[in-house]
Structure formats: structure tokens, C-alpha cells
């Protein structure tokens, strides 16, 4: 994996760059649709790439380890071939799922013991096995195992958690260097900066991970309940330390506004379930604002879903039609809403890049945010 910068904004920390992987190049800033189980819900790979414009997608090692399992993925030739996705892919090691399954897991220095949310069976994942699982999946970028603490943990807990995450990162790096890719493309390993909302712990985490020399870095443990201003403050703290010549990935974030504000703070990569999950529940993100498509006000509105986007679904289907699909529980509505939202997110990344390279990022951001955050 190689990363190069194409340009910077003169008034913010925003950057435009390019990541080269074995499955093609990625123009940054970039949003990665979440395909937890080898599927971006309600959207096939061709639509993701050709209509929504996705460059890279995300899978989850925890879920894929449980189902369908590493052996089947290896037999299929890796997740790319299994799901028919030709582009780059990133996998989360499962640290966030460990956090979310707090009542079903036990942490130790060695790793994490947990019970499957599917059938209650017992499992144990170590930093080493997290790398092995991601070798089996075949992601272009894999994440080191970490612990993701809650937003309201004490300083003592945050420090102990970050220290263990650092030790786990070192073990992941060692395992990564002792093993080789299983398929015909290279893989890269990113560690995850933790530290909750404590700036000094975040700084220490970032410095020590930089000293370990990884090809890129993720910022984790945000968008877990803290207010936006804390998120932005922690991103600024960390990005002052992370190398300028390596990609920075903010995990699990967020709304269109969150993305634009964090691009301004130097983030290159994002993922979030929000566009697809909210879309399946009738919340549409558009270039003019947020639409609750179930509202009665859209019943007789035959205007295009979002004329500000080039996506087929945005210009072909009316608000009235999509509302009808949702009210009738027609599955096509979930597909249209998901593609609309993903197209909006990807479009924002593309326009942010153009504005950075064109020297107009700050005024573009300040003009765009009020539009995309308002509720219609």
C-alpha cells in the first residue's frame, strides 16, 4: 500500500491524497460503505461501484469469523471473490464489536473471550488470531485488535485500556510480519489510536503507535456517545501527531456534517453504518437536507428524490413513489434509500476533494453544512 498527497487546503488541515492498493487506487477523502457480513445491506457490488460511486468498502472480521467462517472464505479465494467486489477493501478487527458485547465478553492480556451473539457458543480472539482471520478474509487494509472503551470511562480505565491496545498493536504487527497474504495481492495493517476523551492519553497513544511505524493509522473510540465538540477536539489532538505522509482513518463517523468537519481537521478515510441503516428506516440524506420519507408531506410530491445528485435513483424516482414503497413495506424502498444515501456521502467526499485541490474548501464547507444538516 502506498499513500501520496495531491494537495492541501491553505486555511484548514484538509488534504487530498491517493492510496494505492492491490485492488486499485483510492482518491481521498473517501467514505467506505459498511459491508459487515460481506454485504452492504440491500445494495449489490455493481450498484455500489457504478451508481453510488464507492471506491472501497468495509467488512468486519468479528462477524465474518462467526459466519461464514475463515475456512469457507479461504475456499472461496477470499472475500473479494466471495462477494464479487473488485475494488479495495478494509476490515475492522472486531474491537468495536467487543465493546458493544460488553455483557458477553471477558477481556484479558491475552485477548478477549466472548459468546457468539448468534448461538451463544464460546470463542477466544487474540491479537495474533485477529491478524490470521484478516489474512483469510484478504482485505487490502486490516486493523489491529484494540479495546474500544465507552465515552464515559474514568481516566484510570482509559489509560489501562490504551496501554493494552498498544501492547496488542505490537503483537499484531509481529504476527503480520511473520505471516504472508494468502491471495495474489498485498495487505497493510493499521493500528488504532485510543484514549477516550483524554487529550494526554490520546497524544501518548498516537506517539507510541507512530514510533512502531505502521503504513497508516486509525482513530477509534469516537462517535460512541461523546458530543461532537469532544470528537473534533480529539481528532485535532491526534492529527497533530500522526504523520502527514500516511493516511488517517476516523472509525465509525458519522453524519455528513461530521465528515466535513473532520476532513477540515485532516482526516482522509471514514466509514459509518448511518447512510444504509438510516436509509432502511426512511431517513434520506439529500443535497438539500434530511428527508423523513414516511412523512405525509411527501405523499403527493412528485419531484425527484434528489435532483442535486447524478445517481439514477436520485433523479428517476419521486419522493411520493419512495414514500409509497416504504408505507407498503416494499423492499425496493430500502434499496433506493440506501443507494441515495451512499451516493450523497460519496458525492460529498468527491466535492470536498475538488474544493481542496481548487483552493475553495473552507467556503465550500461553510456553504454546504447548513444545507445538508437541515430537516426538510
Protein backbone atom coordinates (compact mmCIF):
# COMPACT_ATOMS: atom_id res chain seq x y z
CA UNK A 1 0.00 0.00 0.00
CA UNK A 2 1.27 3.46 -0.90
CA UNK A 3 -0.11 6.89 0.03
CA UNK A 4 0.66 10.20 -1.61
CA UNK A 5 -0.69 13.69 -1.06
CA UNK A 6 -2.10 15.57 -4.03
CA UNK A 7 -2.91 18.83 -2.29
CA UNK A 8 -3.73 20.63 0.96
CA UNK A 9 -6.14 23.37 1.92
CA UNK A 10 -4.35 26.56 2.97
CA UNK A 11 -6.85 27.55 5.68
CA UNK A 12 -7.65 24.20 7.31
CA UNK A 13 -5.90 20.85 7.79
CA UNK A 14 -7.88 19.28 4.91
CA UNK A 15 -5.88 17.11 2.50
CA UNK A 16 -6.47 15.37 -0.82
CA UNK A 17 -4.48 12.24 -1.50
CA UNK A 18 -4.31 8.84 -3.15
CA UNK A 19 -3.96 5.35 -1.68
CA UNK A 20 -2.62 2.63 -3.98
CA UNK A 21 -3.68 -0.95 -3.20
CA UNK A 22 -3.56 -4.29 -4.96
CA UNK A 23 -7.20 -3.75 -5.97
CA UNK A 24 -6.76 -0.26 -7.34
CA UNK A 25 -6.34 3.33 -6.23
CA UNK A 26 -8.48 5.29 -3.77
CA UNK A 27 -8.91 9.05 -4.04
CA UNK A 28 -9.14 10.70 -0.63
CA UNK A 29 -11.04 11.98 1.27
CA UNK A 30 -13.05 8.77 0.97
CA UNK A 31 -16.15 7.26 2.55
CA UNK A 32 -16.30 3.47 2.88
CA UNK A 33 -19.76 1.84 2.84
CA UNK A 34 -20.07 -0.76 5.59
CA UNK A 35 -20.48 -4.34 4.39
CA UNK A 36 -20.30 -6.03 7.78
CA UNK A 37 -21.09 -9.58 6.63
CA UNK A 38 -19.71 -9.31 3.12
CA UNK A 39 -22.77 -7.34 2.02
CA UNK A 40 -23.66 -3.66 2.09
CA UNK A 41 -27.27 -4.27 3.10
CA UNK A 42 -29.77 -4.03 0.21
CA UNK A 43 -27.07 -2.98 -2.31
CA UNK A 44 -25.14 -5.25 -4.70
CA UNK A 45 -21.49 -4.74 -5.60
CA UNK A 46 -22.16 -3.45 -9.13
CA UNK A 47 -24.57 -0.78 -7.89
CA UNK A 48 -22.15 0.22 -5.15
CA UNK A 49 -19.37 0.81 -7.61
CA UNK A 50 -21.12 2.07 -10.74
CA UNK A 51 -24.04 4.02 -9.31
CA UNK A 52 -23.17 5.03 -5.75
CA UNK A 53 -19.53 5.54 -6.76
CA UNK A 54 -17.96 3.64 -3.86
CA UNK A 55 -14.19 3.17 -4.16
CA UNK A 56 -13.60 0.94 -1.14
CA UNK A 57 -15.87 -0.97 1.22
CA UNK A 58 -15.53 -2.27 4.76
CA UNK A 59 -16.08 -5.76 6.21
CA UNK A 60 -15.97 -6.89 9.82
CA UNK A 61 -13.62 -9.62 10.97
CA UNK A 62 -15.68 -10.49 14.05
CA UNK A 63 -18.87 -11.14 12.10
CA UNK A 64 -17.14 -12.86 9.18
CA UNK A 65 -15.20 -15.10 11.59
CA UNK A 66 -18.50 -16.30 13.07
CA UNK A 67 -20.32 -16.51 9.74
CA UNK A 68 -19.42 -17.83 7.18
CA UNK A 69 -16.05 -18.58 8.81
CA UNK A 70 -12.41 -18.36 7.77
CA UNK A 71 -12.28 -21.83 6.18
CA UNK A 72 -15.10 -21.08 3.75
CA UNK A 73 -13.63 -17.68 2.85
CA UNK A 74 -10.29 -19.31 2.07
CA UNK A 75 -12.03 -21.95 -0.05
CA UNK A 76 -13.74 -19.12 -1.96
CA UNK A 77 -10.44 -17.35 -2.57
CA UNK A 78 -11.07 -14.52 -0.11
CA UNK A 79 -13.92 -12.11 0.50
CA UNK A 80 -13.35 -10.12 -2.71
CA UNK A 81 -14.17 -13.16 -4.85
CA UNK A 82 -16.83 -14.48 -2.47
CA UNK A 83 -18.93 -11.30 -2.72
CA UNK A 84 -17.95 -10.18 -6.22
CA UNK A 85 -16.33 -6.91 -5.13
CA UNK A 86 -13.45 -5.94 -7.45
CA UNK A 87 -12.17 -2.88 -5.55
CA UNK A 88 -10.18 -2.25 -2.38
CA UNK A 89 -11.48 -3.48 0.96
CA UNK A 90 -10.77 -2.73 4.63
CA UNK A 91 -11.67 -4.94 7.59
CA UNK A 92 -12.26 -3.88 11.18
CA UNK A 93 -10.66 -6.36 13.58
CA UNK A 94 -13.74 -6.56 15.81
CA UNK A 95 -12.66 -4.28 18.65
CA UNK A 96 -15.84 -2.24 18.42
CA UNK A 97 -17.98 -5.40 18.50
CA UNK A 98 -16.11 -6.44 21.65
CA UNK A 99 -17.11 -3.08 23.13
CA UNK A 100 -20.74 -3.47 22.10
CA UNK A 101 -20.94 -7.02 23.52
CA UNK A 102 -19.80 -5.94 26.99
CA UNK A 103 -22.21 -8.30 28.77
CA UNK A 104 -21.00 -11.30 26.73
CA UNK A 105 -17.20 -10.94 26.85
CA UNK A 106 -14.21 -11.04 29.17
CA UNK A 107 -11.01 -9.11 28.45
CA UNK A 108 -7.56 -10.29 29.47
CA UNK A 109 -4.00 -9.53 28.49
CA UNK A 110 -4.04 -12.49 26.16
CA UNK A 111 -7.18 -11.48 24.26
CA UNK A 112 -10.95 -11.47 24.51
CA UNK A 113 -13.27 -14.35 25.36
CA UNK A 114 -16.83 -13.89 24.19
CA UNK A 115 -20.06 -15.69 23.47
CA UNK A 116 -21.42 -15.54 19.95
CA UNK A 117 -24.46 -13.33 19.53
CA UNK A 118 -25.73 -15.98 17.09
CA UNK A 119 -25.82 -19.15 19.18
CA UNK A 120 -24.09 -18.44 22.49
CA UNK A 121 -21.03 -20.53 21.60
CA UNK A 122 -17.71 -19.62 23.26
CA UNK A 123 -14.83 -18.06 21.32
CA UNK A 124 -11.45 -16.51 22.06
CA UNK A 125 -9.70 -13.96 19.84
CA UNK A 126 -6.12 -12.80 20.37
CA UNK A 127 -4.20 -10.08 18.52
CA UNK A 128 -2.50 -12.87 16.60
CA UNK A 129 -5.69 -14.64 15.60
CA UNK A 130 -7.25 -11.30 14.60
CA UNK A 131 -4.45 -10.97 12.02
CA UNK A 132 -4.91 -14.59 10.91
CA UNK A 133 -8.65 -14.05 10.41
CA UNK A 134 -8.00 -10.97 8.29
CA UNK A 135 -5.42 -12.86 6.25
CA UNK A 136 -8.19 -15.37 5.49
CA UNK A 137 -10.60 -12.57 4.55
CA UNK A 138 -7.97 -10.97 2.32
CA UNK A 139 -8.71 -7.28 2.99
CA UNK A 140 -6.30 -4.79 1.43
CA UNK A 141 -6.18 -2.92 4.75
CA UNK A 142 -6.62 -4.74 8.05
CA UNK A 143 -6.95 -3.31 11.55
CA UNK A 144 -5.06 -4.27 14.70
CA UNK A 145 -7.16 -5.65 17.56
CA UNK A 146 -7.99 -2.96 20.11
CA UNK A 147 -10.29 -2.29 23.01
CA UNK A 148 -12.83 0.45 22.34
CA UNK A 149 -13.82 1.97 25.71
CA UNK A 150 -17.11 3.76 26.31
CA UNK A 151 -17.21 7.56 26.14
CA UNK A 152 -17.73 7.98 29.90
CA UNK A 153 -14.92 5.77 31.26
CA UNK A 154 -12.63 7.04 34.00
CA UNK A 155 -9.13 8.31 33.30
CA UNK A 156 -7.71 5.22 35.00
CA UNK A 157 -9.72 2.88 32.79
CA UNK A 158 -8.90 4.84 29.62
CA UNK A 159 -5.18 4.69 30.41
CA UNK A 160 -5.18 0.97 31.18
CA UNK A 161 -7.25 0.28 28.06
CA UNK A 162 -4.96 2.31 25.82
CA UNK A 163 -1.86 0.59 27.25
CA UNK A 164 -3.35 -2.81 26.44
CA UNK A 165 -4.33 -1.63 22.96
CA UNK A 166 -0.70 -0.58 22.41
CA UNK A 167 0.58 -3.98 23.51
CA UNK A 168 -1.96 -5.68 21.28
CA UNK A 169 -0.90 -3.46 18.36
CA UNK A 170 2.72 -4.58 18.81
CA UNK A 171 1.63 -8.23 18.87
CA UNK A 172 -0.49 -7.72 15.74
CA UNK A 173 2.48 -6.14 13.94
CA UNK A 174 4.72 -9.03 14.91
CA UNK A 175 2.18 -11.58 13.68
CA UNK A 176 1.65 -9.60 10.48
CA UNK A 177 5.40 -9.61 9.78
CA UNK A 178 5.62 -13.36 10.49
CA UNK A 179 2.86 -14.24 8.02
CA UNK A 180 2.10 -13.60 4.36
CA UNK A 181 -1.00 -12.79 2.31
CA UNK A 182 -2.99 -15.83 1.18
CA UNK A 183 -4.07 -14.35 -2.14
CA UNK A 184 -2.46 -12.50 -5.03
CA UNK A 185 -2.39 -9.03 -3.50
CA UNK A 186 -0.62 -7.32 -0.64
CA UNK A 187 -2.14 -6.29 2.68
CA UNK A 188 -1.44 -3.43 5.08
CA UNK A 189 -2.00 -3.23 8.85
CA UNK A 190 -3.25 -0.09 10.64
CA UNK A 191 -3.26 0.31 14.44
CA UNK A 192 -5.96 2.23 16.31
CA UNK A 193 -5.38 5.30 18.49
CA UNK A 194 -7.47 5.13 21.66
CA UNK A 195 -7.72 7.20 24.86
CA UNK A 196 -11.40 8.17 25.19
CA UNK A 197 -11.80 11.96 25.67
CA UNK A 198 -8.48 12.45 27.49
CA UNK A 199 -6.15 14.54 25.32
CA UNK A 200 -2.95 13.49 27.10
CA UNK A 201 -3.75 9.79 26.70
CA UNK A 202 -4.66 10.31 23.04
CA UNK A 203 -1.34 12.08 22.45
CA UNK A 204 0.60 9.29 24.14
CA UNK A 205 -1.28 6.63 22.18
CA UNK A 206 -0.59 8.40 18.88
CA UNK A 207 3.11 8.99 19.63
CA UNK A 208 3.80 5.42 20.66
CA UNK A 209 1.97 3.97 17.67
CA UNK A 210 3.87 6.29 15.34
CA UNK A 211 7.08 5.00 16.90
CA UNK A 212 6.04 1.47 15.89
CA UNK A 213 5.94 2.66 12.24
CA UNK A 214 2.75 1.49 10.55
CA UNK A 215 1.72 2.41 6.97
CA UNK A 216 -1.42 4.21 8.19
CA UNK A 217 -3.32 4.98 11.39
CA UNK A 218 -6.91 4.80 12.59
CA UNK A 219 -8.57 6.92 15.26
CA UNK A 220 -11.03 4.82 17.26
CA UNK A 221 -13.25 5.21 20.28
CA UNK A 222 -15.12 8.26 18.96
CA UNK A 223 -18.77 8.51 17.92
CA UNK A 224 -19.56 6.26 20.90
CA UNK A 225 -21.71 8.75 22.78
CA UNK A 226 -19.49 11.81 23.24
CA UNK A 227 -20.67 15.23 22.00
CA UNK A 228 -19.41 16.37 18.61
CA UNK A 229 -17.14 19.07 20.04
CA UNK A 230 -15.23 16.41 22.03
CA UNK A 231 -14.87 14.29 18.91
CA UNK A 232 -13.46 17.21 16.95
CA UNK A 233 -11.10 18.14 19.77
CA UNK A 234 -9.69 14.61 19.99
CA UNK A 235 -9.23 14.40 16.22
CA UNK A 236 -7.27 17.67 16.28
CA UNK A 237 -5.09 16.40 19.13
CA UNK A 238 -4.29 13.14 17.36
CA UNK A 239 -3.75 14.57 13.89
CA UNK A 240 -1.14 16.99 15.23
CA UNK A 241 0.97 13.88 15.89
CA UNK A 242 0.09 11.37 13.16
CA UNK A 243 2.46 11.53 10.18
CA UNK A 244 1.39 13.80 7.34
CA UNK A 245 2.61 11.29 4.75
CA UNK A 246 0.35 8.43 5.90
CA UNK A 247 -3.44 8.01 5.70
CA UNK A 248 -5.64 8.81 8.70
CA UNK A 249 -8.85 6.86 9.21
CA UNK A 250 -11.59 8.00 11.61
CA UNK A 251 -13.62 4.94 12.51
CA UNK A 252 -17.42 4.83 12.65
CA UNK A 253 -18.11 8.50 11.86
CA UNK A 254 -20.73 9.77 11.10
CA UNK A 255 -23.24 12.34 9.78
CA UNK A 256 -22.48 14.37 6.63
CA UNK A 257 -21.62 17.32 8.90
CA UNK A 258 -19.26 15.14 10.97
CA UNK A 259 -17.46 14.05 7.83
CA UNK A 260 -16.93 17.57 6.51
CA UNK A 261 -15.78 18.92 9.87
CA UNK A 262 -13.29 16.07 10.27
CA UNK A 263 -11.97 16.47 6.74
CA UNK A 264 -11.19 20.05 7.80
CA UNK A 265 -9.21 18.54 10.69
CA UNK A 266 -7.06 16.33 8.46
CA UNK A 267 -8.94 13.01 8.24
CA UNK A 268 -8.67 11.03 4.99
CA UNK A 269 -10.91 7.96 5.46
CA UNK A 270 -14.34 7.35 7.01
CA UNK A 271 -16.88 4.58 7.47
CA UNK A 272 -20.30 4.51 9.10
CA UNK A 273 -23.47 2.42 9.02
CA UNK A 274 -25.58 5.58 9.15
CA UNK A 275 -26.34 6.06 5.41
CA UNK A 276 -27.61 2.50 4.96
CA UNK A 277 -29.13 1.93 8.41
CA UNK A 278 -30.94 5.26 8.49
CA UNK A 279 -31.95 4.82 4.87
CA UNK A 280 -33.63 1.50 5.64
CA UNK A 281 -35.58 3.32 8.34
CA UNK A 282 -36.78 6.05 5.98
CA UNK A 283 -34.25 8.81 6.65
CA UNK A 284 -32.80 10.13 3.41
CA UNK A 285 -29.75 12.37 3.17
CA UNK A 286 -30.00 14.72 0.18
CA UNK A 287 -28.12 17.68 -1.22
CA UNK A 288 -30.89 19.94 0.12
CA UNK A 289 -31.26 18.40 3.59
CA UNK A 290 -32.65 15.46 5.53
CA UNK A 291 -35.93 13.86 4.48
CA UNK A 292 -38.13 11.59 6.61
CA UNK A 293 -39.71 9.89 3.64
CA UNK A 294 -42.56 8.43 5.71
CA UNK A 295 -43.95 11.89 6.46
CA UNK A 296 -47.34 12.64 4.93
CA UNK A 297 -45.96 15.81 3.33
CA UNK A 298 -44.23 13.72 0.65
CA UNK A 299 -47.35 11.74 -0.36
CA UNK A 300 -48.14 14.00 -3.33
CA UNK A 301 -44.61 15.26 -4.03
CA UNK A 302 -43.67 14.01 -7.50
CA UNK A 303 -40.35 15.86 -7.64
CA UNK A 304 -37.19 13.77 -7.98
CA UNK A 305 -35.75 12.29 -4.81
CA UNK A 306 -32.65 14.47 -5.12
CA UNK A 307 -32.10 16.40 -8.36
CA UNK A 308 -28.76 17.61 -6.99
CA UNK A 309 -27.22 14.15 -7.44
CA UNK A 310 -26.38 12.31 -10.65
CA UNK A 311 -27.30 8.87 -9.25
CA UNK A 312 -30.02 7.00 -11.15
CA UNK A 313 -32.25 6.57 -8.09
CA UNK A 314 -31.92 10.26 -7.17
CA UNK A 315 -33.30 11.55 -10.47
CA UNK A 316 -35.58 8.70 -11.54
CA UNK A 317 -37.82 8.11 -8.53
CA UNK A 318 -40.08 10.70 -6.93
CA UNK A 319 -40.46 11.34 -3.23
CA UNK A 320 -44.09 10.25 -3.50
CA UNK A 321 -43.10 6.92 -5.06
CA UNK A 322 -40.40 6.15 -2.50
CA UNK A 323 -42.80 7.09 0.31
CA UNK A 324 -45.35 4.69 -1.18
CA UNK A 325 -42.75 1.89 -1.18
CA UNK A 326 -41.98 2.47 2.49
CA UNK A 327 -45.63 2.67 3.51
CA UNK A 328 -46.35 -0.54 1.58
CA UNK A 329 -43.28 -2.30 3.07
CA UNK A 330 -41.87 -2.91 -0.40
CA UNK A 331 -38.22 -3.96 -0.23
CA UNK A 332 -37.32 -1.79 -3.23
CA UNK A 333 -37.71 1.24 -0.97
CA UNK A 334 -34.85 0.04 1.23
CA UNK A 335 -32.61 -0.32 -1.82
CA UNK A 336 -33.45 3.11 -3.23
CA UNK A 337 -32.96 4.83 0.14
CA UNK A 338 -29.64 3.08 0.75
CA UNK A 339 -28.26 3.96 -2.69
CA UNK A 340 -29.46 7.56 -2.33
CA UNK A 341 -27.68 7.99 0.99
CA UNK A 342 -24.48 6.29 -0.12
CA UNK A 343 -24.44 8.40 -3.28
CA UNK A 344 -24.78 11.57 -1.20
CA UNK A 345 -21.91 10.57 1.12
CA UNK A 346 -19.63 9.62 -1.78
CA UNK A 347 -20.54 12.82 -3.63
CA UNK A 348 -19.62 14.93 -0.60
CA UNK A 349 -16.19 13.27 -0.49
CA UNK A 350 -15.62 13.90 -4.19
CA UNK A 351 -16.69 17.54 -3.96
CA UNK A 352 -14.57 18.05 -0.84
CA UNK A 353 -11.56 16.74 -2.76
CA UNK A 354 -12.28 19.04 -5.69
CA UNK A 355 -12.62 22.00 -3.34
CA UNK A 356 -9.34 21.18 -1.59
CA UNK A 357 -7.48 20.92 -4.88
CA UNK A 358 -9.21 24.04 -6.17
CA UNK A 359 -8.38 26.15 -3.12
CA UNK A 360 -12.01 26.70 -2.08
CA UNK A 361 -12.57 24.07 0.61
CA UNK A 362 -13.42 26.33 3.56
CA UNK A 363 -16.10 28.45 1.83
CA UNK A 364 -17.49 25.32 0.16
CA UNK A 365 -17.70 23.53 3.54
CA UNK A 366 -19.30 26.51 5.26
CA UNK A 367 -21.89 26.78 2.49
CA UNK A 368 -22.61 23.05 2.33
CA UNK A 369 -23.03 22.24 6.02
CA UNK A 370 -26.20 24.33 6.63
CA UNK A 371 -27.86 22.71 3.60
CA UNK A 372 -27.12 19.08 4.40
CA UNK A 373 -27.94 19.37 8.11
CA UNK A 374 -31.39 20.98 7.78
CA UNK A 375 -34.53 18.89 8.03
CA UNK A 376 -36.95 19.29 5.15
